[in-house]
Protein backbone atom coordinates (compact mmCIF):
# COMPACT_ATOMS: atom_id res chain seq x y z
CA MET A 1 -11.01 60.83 235.89
CA LYS A 2 -10.75 58.06 238.39
CA THR A 3 -9.09 55.42 236.26
CA THR A 4 -9.87 56.36 232.71
CA ILE A 5 -9.66 59.30 230.38
CA ILE A 6 -13.47 59.47 230.32
CA ALA A 7 -13.82 60.00 234.05
CA LEU A 8 -10.81 62.35 233.90
CA ALA A 9 -12.72 64.84 231.82
CA LEU A 10 -16.06 64.47 233.64
CA ALA A 11 -14.59 64.59 237.17
CA THR A 12 -17.32 66.71 238.62
CA GLY A 13 -18.78 64.38 241.21
CA LEU A 14 -17.49 61.80 243.61
CA SER A 15 -17.50 58.03 243.51
CA PRO A 16 -19.94 56.20 245.76
CA ALA A 17 -18.53 55.01 249.03
CA THR A 18 -19.84 53.39 252.17
CA PRO A 19 -21.72 55.63 254.59
CA PRO A 20 -19.52 57.64 256.95
CA THR A 21 -18.87 56.36 260.42
CA THR A 22 -18.19 58.26 263.60
CA PRO A 23 -14.89 60.14 263.39
CA PRO A 24 -12.13 58.82 265.65
CA ALA A 25 -11.98 60.31 269.13
CA GLY A 26 -10.11 63.60 268.96
CA GLY A 27 -10.14 63.51 265.16
CA LEU A 28 -7.21 63.22 262.81
CA THR A 29 -3.77 64.12 264.11
CA PRO A 30 -1.09 65.87 262.05
CA ALA A 31 1.13 62.82 262.48
CA ALA A 32 -1.53 60.49 261.08
CA VAL A 33 -2.12 62.73 258.07
CA ASP A 34 1.60 63.14 257.44
CA ALA A 35 2.18 59.39 257.60
CA TYR A 36 -0.66 58.71 255.18
CA LEU A 37 0.52 61.34 252.68
CA THR A 38 4.10 60.09 252.85
CA ARG A 39 2.90 56.58 252.03
CA ALA A 40 0.69 57.97 249.28
CA LEU A 41 3.63 59.73 247.62
CA ASP A 42 5.67 56.53 247.73
CA GLY A 43 2.78 54.39 246.49
CA THR A 44 1.77 56.62 243.61
CA GLY A 45 5.25 57.63 242.52
CA LEU A 46 4.03 61.20 241.96
CA PRO A 47 6.80 63.78 241.47
CA GLY A 48 5.19 66.08 244.02
CA LEU A 49 2.00 66.85 245.88
CA SER A 50 0.67 69.28 248.46
CA ALA A 51 -2.29 68.75 250.72
CA VAL A 52 -4.26 70.31 253.54
CA VAL A 53 -6.74 68.93 256.05
CA THR A 54 -9.05 71.23 258.02
CA ARG A 55 -11.68 70.68 260.67
CA GLY A 56 -14.02 73.38 261.85
CA ASN A 57 -12.05 76.61 262.06
CA ARG A 58 -8.56 75.13 262.26
CA VAL A 59 -5.98 73.61 259.95
CA VAL A 60 -5.12 70.08 261.03
CA HIS A 61 -2.18 69.65 258.66
CA ALA A 62 -0.81 71.42 255.57
CA ALA A 63 2.37 70.26 253.87
CA GLY A 64 4.10 69.43 250.62
CA TYR A 65 5.93 66.31 249.47
CA GLY A 66 8.28 65.53 246.61
CA HIS A 67 9.68 68.20 244.27
CA ASP A 68 8.64 70.60 241.55
CA SER A 69 9.91 70.70 237.97
CA ASP A 70 12.78 72.96 239.02
CA GLY A 71 13.96 70.41 241.57
CA ARG A 72 12.85 72.38 244.62
CA PRO A 73 10.98 70.67 247.47
CA VAL A 74 7.20 71.02 247.30
CA THR A 75 5.80 72.73 250.41
CA ALA A 76 2.43 73.96 251.63
CA ASP A 77 3.33 77.29 249.99
CA THR A 78 4.17 75.92 246.53
CA PRO A 79 1.80 77.43 243.92
CA MET A 80 -0.29 74.89 242.03
CA ARG A 81 -2.85 75.23 239.28
CA VAL A 82 -6.18 73.85 240.49
CA ALA A 83 -8.13 73.98 237.20
CA SER A 84 -11.85 73.42 237.71
CA LEU A 85 -11.69 73.92 241.47
CA SER A 86 -11.76 77.53 240.29
CA LYS A 87 -15.49 77.18 239.63
CA SER A 88 -16.27 77.20 243.34
CA PHE A 89 -14.34 80.48 243.68
CA THR A 90 -16.26 81.98 240.76
CA ALA A 91 -19.55 80.89 242.31
CA MET A 92 -18.51 82.54 245.57
CA ALA A 93 -17.72 85.79 243.75
CA VAL A 94 -21.18 85.77 242.17
CA MET A 95 -22.85 85.03 245.52
CA THR A 96 -21.15 88.01 247.15
CA LEU A 97 -22.89 90.16 244.54
CA VAL A 98 -26.16 88.35 245.20
CA ASP A 99 -25.86 89.10 248.91
CA LYS A 100 -25.32 92.78 248.08
CA GLY A 101 -28.46 92.83 245.97
CA ALA A 102 -26.50 93.74 242.84
CA VAL A 103 -27.76 90.64 241.03
CA ALA A 104 -30.32 87.88 241.65
CA LEU A 105 -29.82 84.21 240.87
CA ASP A 106 -32.96 84.09 238.73
CA ASP A 107 -32.10 87.20 236.71
CA PRO A 108 -31.68 86.52 232.98
CA VAL A 109 -27.98 86.77 232.21
CA THR A 110 -28.66 89.10 229.28
CA GLU A 111 -30.18 91.58 231.71
CA HIS A 112 -26.66 92.19 233.01
CA LEU A 113 -24.75 91.15 229.89
CA PRO A 114 -26.51 92.76 226.91
CA GLU A 115 -23.34 91.97 224.94
CA LEU A 116 -24.28 88.29 225.07
CA ARG A 117 -25.72 87.42 221.66
CA MET A 118 -26.11 83.85 220.51
CA ALA A 119 -27.56 82.16 217.44
CA ASP A 120 -30.33 80.68 219.59
CA PRO A 121 -33.31 82.65 220.92
CA ARG A 122 -33.43 80.41 224.01
CA ALA A 123 -30.21 82.05 225.24
CA GLY A 124 -32.32 84.94 226.52
CA ARG A 125 -33.85 82.57 229.10
CA ILE A 126 -30.51 81.57 230.68
CA THR A 127 -30.37 82.78 234.29
CA VAL A 128 -27.45 83.32 236.63
CA ARG A 129 -28.54 80.21 238.52
CA HIS A 130 -28.42 78.16 235.33
CA LEU A 131 -24.81 79.18 234.74
CA LEU A 132 -23.68 78.20 238.23
CA ASN A 133 -25.66 74.93 238.24
CA GLN A 134 -24.39 74.03 234.72
CA THR A 135 -27.98 73.74 233.48
CA SER A 136 -27.93 76.58 230.94
CA GLY A 137 -28.07 74.28 227.90
CA LEU A 138 -24.60 75.39 226.81
CA SER A 139 -22.45 72.57 225.47
CA ASP A 140 -19.05 71.98 223.94
CA THR A 141 -20.89 70.30 221.06
CA THR A 142 -22.75 73.47 220.07
CA THR A 143 -19.99 76.00 220.78
CA ASP A 144 -16.74 76.75 218.96
CA ILE A 145 -14.46 76.03 221.91
CA GLY A 146 -11.31 76.50 219.82
CA ALA A 147 -12.26 80.08 218.94
CA LEU A 148 -13.07 80.87 222.57
CA LYS A 149 -9.63 79.77 223.76
CA ASP A 150 -7.98 82.39 221.59
CA SER A 151 -9.83 85.24 223.34
CA ASP A 152 -7.67 87.92 224.97
CA SER A 153 -10.35 89.03 227.45
CA LEU A 154 -13.65 87.89 228.92
CA ARG A 155 -15.39 90.62 226.92
CA GLU A 156 -13.96 89.24 223.69
CA TYR A 157 -14.81 85.72 224.88
CA VAL A 158 -18.49 86.62 225.20
CA GLY A 159 -18.43 88.27 221.78
CA ARG A 160 -17.27 85.04 220.19
CA LEU A 161 -20.40 83.22 221.33
CA ARG A 162 -22.45 84.77 218.52
CA THR A 163 -22.50 81.53 216.52
CA ALA A 164 -23.17 79.27 219.53
CA THR A 165 -26.45 77.48 220.13
CA LEU A 166 -27.91 75.55 223.06
CA ARG A 167 -28.15 71.79 223.30
CA ALA A 168 -31.25 71.95 225.53
CA ASP A 169 -33.72 74.39 226.98
CA PRO A 170 -32.25 76.29 229.95
CA GLY A 171 -32.93 74.55 233.24
CA THR A 172 -33.84 71.16 231.74
CA ARG A 173 -30.50 69.41 231.30
CA TRP A 174 -27.21 69.31 233.21
CA GLU A 175 -24.06 69.37 231.11
CA TYR A 176 -20.57 70.23 232.25
CA CYS A 177 -19.35 73.15 230.14
CA ASN A 178 -16.65 75.66 231.02
CA VAL A 179 -18.46 78.39 229.10
CA ASN A 180 -20.96 78.65 231.97
CA TYR A 181 -18.31 79.79 234.42
CA ASP A 182 -16.47 82.05 232.03
CA LEU A 183 -19.77 83.82 231.43
CA ALA A 184 -20.23 84.03 235.20
CA ALA A 185 -16.80 85.65 235.47
CA ARG A 186 -17.74 88.24 232.87
CA LEU A 187 -20.95 88.85 234.81
CA VAL A 188 -18.85 89.63 237.89
CA GLU A 189 -16.79 92.11 235.88
CA VAL A 190 -19.78 93.97 234.47
CA VAL A 191 -21.84 94.08 237.67
CA SER A 192 -18.92 95.01 239.95
CA GLY A 193 -17.10 97.29 237.53
CA ARG A 194 -13.85 95.51 238.40
CA GLY A 195 -11.70 93.02 236.51
CA PHE A 196 -12.53 89.46 237.50
CA GLY A 197 -9.07 88.82 238.94
CA ASP A 198 -9.18 92.09 240.86
CA TYR A 199 -12.61 91.28 242.29
CA LEU A 200 -11.50 87.84 243.47
CA ARG A 201 -8.43 89.31 245.09
CA GLU A 202 -10.41 92.04 246.85
CA ARG A 203 -13.57 90.14 247.82
CA VAL A 204 -12.52 86.49 248.14
CA PHE A 205 -8.78 85.90 248.39
CA GLY A 206 -8.01 89.05 250.37
CA PRO A 207 -10.62 88.69 253.15
CA LEU A 208 -9.61 85.05 253.67
CA GLY A 209 -5.90 85.85 253.81
CA MET A 210 -5.16 83.84 250.65
CA ARG A 211 -2.16 85.99 249.77
CA SER A 212 -0.55 83.47 247.43
CA SER A 213 -3.62 82.96 245.26
CA ALA A 214 -4.65 84.55 241.96
CA VAL A 215 -6.86 83.85 238.98
CA SER A 216 -3.97 83.95 236.52
CA ASP A 217 -0.46 82.56 236.37
CA ARG A 218 0.72 86.06 235.47
CA GLU A 219 0.33 87.02 239.14
CA VAL A 220 1.30 83.77 240.86
CA ARG A 221 3.66 81.66 238.81
CA PRO A 222 3.71 77.88 239.32
CA ALA A 223 6.53 75.77 237.98
CA ASP A 224 5.88 73.53 234.98
CA GLY A 225 4.20 70.25 235.79
CA TYR A 226 4.74 66.67 234.63
CA ASN A 227 3.21 64.00 232.42
CA SER A 228 3.65 60.28 232.95
CA VAL A 229 4.96 58.38 229.92
CA PHE A 230 4.71 54.67 230.66
CA GLY A 231 5.74 55.29 234.25
CA LEU A 232 8.42 57.90 233.57
CA TRP A 233 7.69 61.51 234.54
CA ARG A 234 8.50 64.18 231.98
CA SER A 235 8.42 67.90 232.84
CA ARG A 236 6.40 69.94 230.34
CA PRO A 237 4.99 73.49 230.08
CA GLU A 238 1.25 73.71 230.64
CA LEU A 239 -1.01 74.17 227.62
CA PRO A 240 -2.75 77.58 227.47
CA ALA A 241 -6.25 76.34 228.29
CA PHE A 242 -7.24 78.06 231.54
CA LEU A 243 -4.68 80.83 231.48
CA ASN A 244 -6.92 83.67 230.30
CA GLY A 245 -8.06 84.88 233.71
CA GLY A 246 -11.47 83.29 233.24
CA GLY A 247 -13.80 81.80 235.79
CA SER A 248 -13.73 78.15 234.73
CA GLY A 249 -10.22 77.11 235.67
CA GLY A 250 -7.59 79.83 236.04
CA VAL A 251 -6.94 79.85 239.79
CA VAL A 252 -3.40 79.28 241.03
CA THR A 253 -3.11 78.70 244.78
CA THR A 254 -1.29 76.83 247.55
CA ALA A 255 -2.19 74.19 250.10
CA ALA A 256 -1.88 76.77 252.89
CA ASP A 257 -4.35 79.09 251.13
CA MET A 258 -6.70 76.21 250.34
CA GLY A 259 -6.90 75.55 254.07
CA ARG A 260 -8.44 78.99 254.56
CA TRP A 261 -10.83 78.33 251.70
CA LEU A 262 -12.01 74.99 253.08
CA ILE A 263 -12.63 76.51 256.51
CA THR A 264 -15.02 79.10 255.12
CA GLN A 265 -16.74 76.40 253.04
CA THR A 266 -17.64 74.57 256.25
CA GLY A 267 -19.25 77.75 257.59
CA ASN A 268 -16.37 78.61 259.91
CA GLY A 269 -13.74 81.32 260.06
CA ARG A 270 -14.20 84.46 257.99
CA ARG A 271 -17.55 84.29 256.22
CA LEU A 272 -17.80 85.76 252.74
CA VAL A 273 -21.55 85.29 252.29
CA ARG A 274 -24.60 84.65 254.45
CA PRO A 275 -25.08 81.07 255.70
CA GLU A 276 -28.19 80.82 253.53
CA SER A 277 -26.17 81.71 250.43
CA LEU A 278 -23.50 79.16 251.29
CA ALA A 279 -26.24 76.53 251.65
CA VAL A 280 -27.57 77.42 248.20
CA MET A 281 -24.10 76.93 246.72
CA HIS A 282 -23.89 73.48 248.28
CA ALA A 283 -27.41 72.39 247.29
CA PRO A 284 -28.14 70.34 244.16
CA SER A 285 -30.13 71.69 241.25
CA GLU A 286 -33.45 70.20 240.21
CA VAL A 287 -31.83 68.09 237.49
CA ARG A 288 -28.48 67.00 238.92
CA GLU A 289 -26.60 66.41 242.16
CA TYR A 290 -24.39 69.38 241.40
CA GLY A 291 -24.48 72.65 243.30
CA MET A 292 -22.56 75.76 242.32
CA GLY A 293 -18.99 74.68 241.67
CA TRP A 294 -19.49 71.63 243.92
CA GLY A 295 -20.45 68.06 243.10
CA ILE A 296 -22.55 66.24 245.69
CA ASP A 297 -22.10 62.55 246.37
CA ASP A 298 -25.43 60.75 246.68
CA GLU A 299 -24.36 58.30 249.37
CA THR A 300 -21.72 60.04 251.49
CA ARG A 301 -23.14 63.56 251.00
CA ARG A 302 -19.61 64.83 250.64
CA LEU A 303 -19.13 67.95 248.59
CA GLY A 304 -16.30 67.85 246.13
CA HIS A 305 -14.82 68.85 242.82
CA SER A 306 -11.92 67.67 240.72
CA GLY A 307 -9.65 69.88 238.65
CA ASN A 308 -7.75 68.49 235.70
CA LEU A 309 -5.32 70.39 233.53
CA PHE A 310 -2.65 68.91 231.29
CA THR A 311 0.19 68.94 233.84
CA TYR A 312 -1.72 69.60 237.10
CA THR A 313 -4.45 67.79 239.02
CA ALA A 314 -6.41 68.74 242.13
CA VAL A 315 -9.34 67.65 244.30
CA GLN A 316 -11.23 69.36 247.11
CA LEU A 317 -13.68 67.69 249.51
CA VAL A 318 -15.89 69.04 252.28
CA VAL A 319 -17.77 66.78 254.70
CA PRO A 320 -20.58 68.87 256.23
CA ALA A 321 -21.47 66.15 258.76
CA THR A 322 -18.04 66.20 260.40
CA GLY A 323 -16.73 69.66 259.47
CA TYR A 324 -13.68 68.24 257.72
CA GLY A 325 -12.20 69.70 254.57
CA PHE A 326 -9.54 68.18 252.31
CA ALA A 327 -7.55 69.44 249.34
CA VAL A 328 -4.92 67.51 247.42
CA MET A 329 -2.94 69.04 244.56
CA THR A 330 -0.26 67.55 242.33
CA ASN A 331 2.12 69.07 239.79
CA SER A 332 1.37 66.25 237.36
CA ALA A 333 -1.36 64.80 235.20
CA ALA A 334 -1.94 61.27 233.93
CA LEU A 335 -4.74 59.00 232.78
CA HIS A 336 -5.40 57.94 236.37
CA ASP A 337 -6.33 60.56 238.98
CA ASP A 338 -4.26 59.85 242.09
CA THR A 339 -5.45 63.03 243.82
CA PHE A 340 -8.97 61.64 243.99
CA ASP A 341 -7.73 58.42 245.59
CA ILE A 342 -5.60 60.30 248.11
CA ALA A 343 -8.36 62.75 249.08
CA THR A 344 -10.87 59.93 249.44
CA GLY A 345 -8.39 58.05 251.63
CA LEU A 346 -8.00 61.08 253.88
CA ALA A 347 -11.79 61.37 254.19
CA GLU A 348 -12.08 57.70 255.12
CA LEU A 349 -9.27 58.11 257.64
CA SER A 350 -11.21 60.96 259.26
CA GLU A 351 -14.22 58.65 259.57
CA GLY A 352 -12.32 56.02 261.50
CA ARG A 353 -11.79 53.69 258.56
CA THR A 354 -8.61 52.24 257.15
CA PRO A 355 -8.31 53.43 253.54
CA GLU A 356 -6.91 51.34 250.76
CA PRO A 357 -3.26 52.18 250.07
CA ALA A 358 -3.04 54.91 247.44
CA GLY A 359 -1.10 54.07 244.32
CA GLY A 360 -0.85 51.38 241.71
CA GLY A 361 -3.70 52.52 239.47
CA ARG A 362 -1.61 54.65 237.16
CA GLN A 363 1.27 52.21 237.10
CA LEU A 364 -0.97 49.24 236.28
CA PHE A 365 -2.89 51.13 233.63
CA GLU A 366 0.25 52.32 231.89
CA LEU A 367 1.86 48.88 232.22
CA VAL A 368 -1.08 47.39 230.33
CA LEU A 369 -0.83 50.09 227.66
CA GLY A 370 2.91 49.46 227.39
CA ALA A 371 2.28 45.75 226.89
CA VAL A 372 -0.34 46.46 224.22
CA THR A 373 2.08 48.84 222.47
CA ALA A 374 4.85 46.23 222.44
CA ALA A 375 2.45 43.56 221.20
CA ALA A 376 1.18 45.84 218.42
CA ALA A 377 4.74 46.60 217.30
CA GLY A 378 5.61 42.89 217.34
CA LEU A 379 2.53 41.92 215.36
CA GLY A 380 3.27 44.67 212.86
CA LEU A 381 6.81 43.37 212.33
CA LEU A 382 5.52 39.82 212.01
CA GLY A 383 2.90 40.96 209.50
CA VAL A 384 5.57 42.59 207.35
CA LEU A 385 7.88 39.56 207.48
CA ARG A 386 5.08 37.12 206.62
CA SER A 387 3.45 39.33 203.98
CA ARG A 388 4.94 37.32 201.06
CA HIS A 389 3.56 34.07 202.44
CA TRP A 390 0.21 35.75 203.12
CA ALA A 391 0.01 37.04 199.54
CA ALA A 392 1.05 33.71 198.00
CA ARG A 393 -1.82 31.93 199.77
CA ARG A 394 -4.35 34.41 198.41
CA ALA A 395 -3.06 34.99 194.89
CA GLY A 396 -5.59 33.88 192.32
CA ARG A 397 -8.54 34.13 194.70
CA PRO A 398 -11.28 36.74 194.17
CA ARG A 399 -9.82 40.16 194.81
CA TRP A 400 -12.61 41.21 197.19
CA ARG A 401 -11.80 38.29 199.49
CA ALA A 402 -8.15 39.27 199.74
CA TRP A 403 -9.04 42.91 200.32
CA SER A 404 -11.49 41.98 203.07
CA ARG A 405 -8.64 40.26 204.93
CA LEU A 406 -6.84 43.64 205.07
CA VAL A 407 -9.67 45.27 207.04
CA PRO A 408 -8.57 44.05 210.52
CA ALA A 409 -5.08 45.44 209.95
CA LEU A 410 -6.51 48.81 208.92
CA LEU A 411 -8.90 49.17 211.86
CA PRO A 412 -6.24 50.80 214.09
CA VAL A 413 -5.62 53.32 211.30
CA ALA A 414 -9.29 54.26 211.34
CA VAL A 415 -9.19 54.57 215.13
CA LEU A 416 -6.18 56.90 214.91
CA ALA A 417 -7.87 59.06 212.26
CA ALA A 418 -10.94 59.48 214.47
CA TYR A 419 -9.04 59.49 217.76
CA PRO A 420 -9.89 63.01 219.06
CA ASP A 421 -13.52 62.64 217.96
CA LEU A 422 -13.82 59.24 219.62
CA ILE A 423 -12.42 60.54 222.90
CA SER A 424 -14.70 63.55 222.69
CA PHE A 425 -17.69 61.22 222.20
CA LEU A 426 -16.68 59.09 225.18
CA MET A 427 -16.40 62.28 227.24
CA ASN A 428 -19.98 63.32 226.49
CA GLY A 429 -19.02 65.77 223.77
CA ARG A 430 -16.24 67.64 225.61
CA THR A 431 -13.89 69.17 223.04
CA VAL A 432 -10.58 67.32 222.76
CA THR A 433 -7.67 68.27 220.50
CA TRP A 434 -4.67 66.36 219.20
CA GLU A 435 -2.34 68.57 221.20
CA GLN A 436 -4.19 67.81 224.43
CA LEU A 437 -3.98 64.07 223.75
CA THR A 438 -0.18 64.31 223.64
CA TYR A 439 -0.15 65.47 227.28
CA PHE A 440 -1.91 63.58 230.09
CA ALA A 441 -3.09 60.91 227.63
CA VAL A 442 0.29 60.44 225.96
CA PRO A 443 0.63 56.69 226.82
CA LEU A 444 -2.76 55.97 225.24
CA THR A 445 -1.90 58.16 222.26
CA ILE A 446 1.38 56.32 221.71
CA THR A 447 -0.43 52.98 221.92
CA VAL A 448 -3.01 54.03 219.33
CA ALA A 449 -0.33 55.50 217.03
CA VAL A 450 1.90 52.41 217.20
CA ALA A 451 -1.05 50.09 216.54
CA ALA A 452 -2.06 52.23 213.56
CA ALA A 453 1.49 52.28 212.17
CA ALA A 454 1.77 48.50 212.57
CA GLY A 455 -1.55 47.97 210.84
CA ALA A 456 -0.71 50.34 207.99
CA LEU A 457 2.67 48.71 207.36
CA THR A 458 1.18 45.23 207.47
CA ALA A 459 -1.60 46.15 205.07
CA GLY A 460 0.79 48.00 202.76
CA PHE A 461 3.27 45.13 202.48
CA ARG A 462 0.50 42.59 202.03
CA LEU A 463 -1.06 44.62 199.24
CA ALA A 464 2.30 45.07 197.49
CA ARG A 465 3.09 41.34 197.75
CA LEU A 466 -0.40 40.44 196.58
CA ARG A 467 -0.01 42.55 193.46
CA ALA A 468 3.40 41.08 192.77
CA ALA A 469 2.11 37.55 193.25
CA GLY A 470 -0.82 38.28 190.96
CA GLY A 471 1.52 39.55 188.27
CA ARG A 472 3.70 36.46 188.44
CA ARG A 473 0.72 34.14 188.29
CA HIS A 474 -0.69 36.01 185.32
CA GLY A 475 2.71 35.82 183.61
CA GLU A 476 2.74 32.00 183.88
CA HIS A 477 -0.16 31.79 181.40
CA ARG A 478 1.47 33.91 178.68
CA PRO A 479 2.55 32.10 175.50
CA SER A 480 6.24 31.13 175.45
CA ARG A 481 8.46 33.03 173.09
CA THR A 482 9.39 29.67 171.52
CA ALA A 483 5.82 28.50 171.09
CA ALA A 484 4.69 28.10 167.50
CA THR A 485 1.99 30.35 166.23
CA PRO A 486 -0.85 28.73 164.30
CA GLY A 487 0.28 27.46 160.93
CA GLU A 488 4.00 27.45 161.87
CA PRO A 489 6.17 24.36 162.46
CA SER A 490 6.92 23.56 166.06
CA ALA A 491 10.32 24.37 167.53
CA ASP A 492 12.82 21.60 168.25
CA PRO A 493 12.26 20.62 171.91
CA MET A 494 16.03 20.33 172.55
CA THR A 495 17.41 23.41 170.80
CA GLY A 496 14.37 25.64 170.47
CA ALA A 497 15.24 26.13 166.79
CA ARG A 498 12.46 26.14 164.25
CA PRO A 499 12.86 24.06 161.12
CA ARG A 500 13.05 26.00 157.90
CA ARG A 501 10.08 25.91 155.62
């Protein structure tokens, strides 16, 4: 999601950066973190954000900045949706069962979930490890994602996979697909005999002291978030995408609670699993630099994951070499991911570097889109006003040549008609709906819609003028009412009267 809608949806790894340097003597101070985050809020113009920095077994700084959609100050205890950061929590829940011997990573999933039936015999070869590494072969392109979102429970969710197929053999291809982690959540329910949310609360959140965290907004209620519309923030209710208590993106938490989570991810504080199990979660699979709910940067070796909903954005980073952990959460979503920039800046600060000032990416991107929108509207108006002149120049020419000149004006219409499919293609097949594109992508959607409207109006007026001009030209060659028919005397040129025979 770094600067485009494509990266926004992928957002599972981290951008390359220069190798880490030695951390500053004594490490980051709360004052340095606070100063950086204050500047970041000013630079990005975000309505609100919360963040936490940890090192080893202590919290360096946890705080909130800005305000929520109800006008209250954001604090370290303000609940935020963290979307796909939830996957690391789901992976942890599964690993606690692995440590107990209740399940093994290389067990076929159907061994524990006999209810899983798919229209692909290869589904029987999917293992628990494949789900957590996102190498199961499951894909948005071969699954009815829309039907899954309407499920009322994880059990019903699994039942709706009967028509799904795999895009690749299990274990041979990495593809980011939320179905993997929702299946993992159902696995936790069946193996433990507890609801997924209950199990997380009892075995993950509870032991860590994450008292303000839950896997559903029904237990911990965050305020509505924001969308940016050409630089203006608009408060909007979140779309019901990850609100079903599933394992792919339903966690609601706070910066203070995330501090406890990051500490255990660095192997400190209260340990939920054996060190060997934690190492497995952080290790890449054989086909991708992606562990279990954690992306792995090739160059910096930082662990991280982005979370992107329609009015919330989050990023978590862990640096094993230095013991630092970072989490940044915002109550907003836009085409540019400011949380990634801020978290990366904090990591660079911890390594003794001076990070680039956060901010400007979203504003610049939306400024360009605004300019394109205004230009499209202006060209559309000009096309309508000049349509008579355009048609007059082409009247009498071969019709196919005139029609071919309408194609450029109609191209934006074609783009609008295929808009969700085009975005889905650019996002490697991730399912995208019209409703979703009116949220975080609303500036781009407005730009495409205005360009399409301008093109349609221009083409429509040109076609109407062309037909009218063709009719007039054809009428010029019709015989005059006063013209003599063969064998009749000609009319008087002055009076138009015909002489009598």
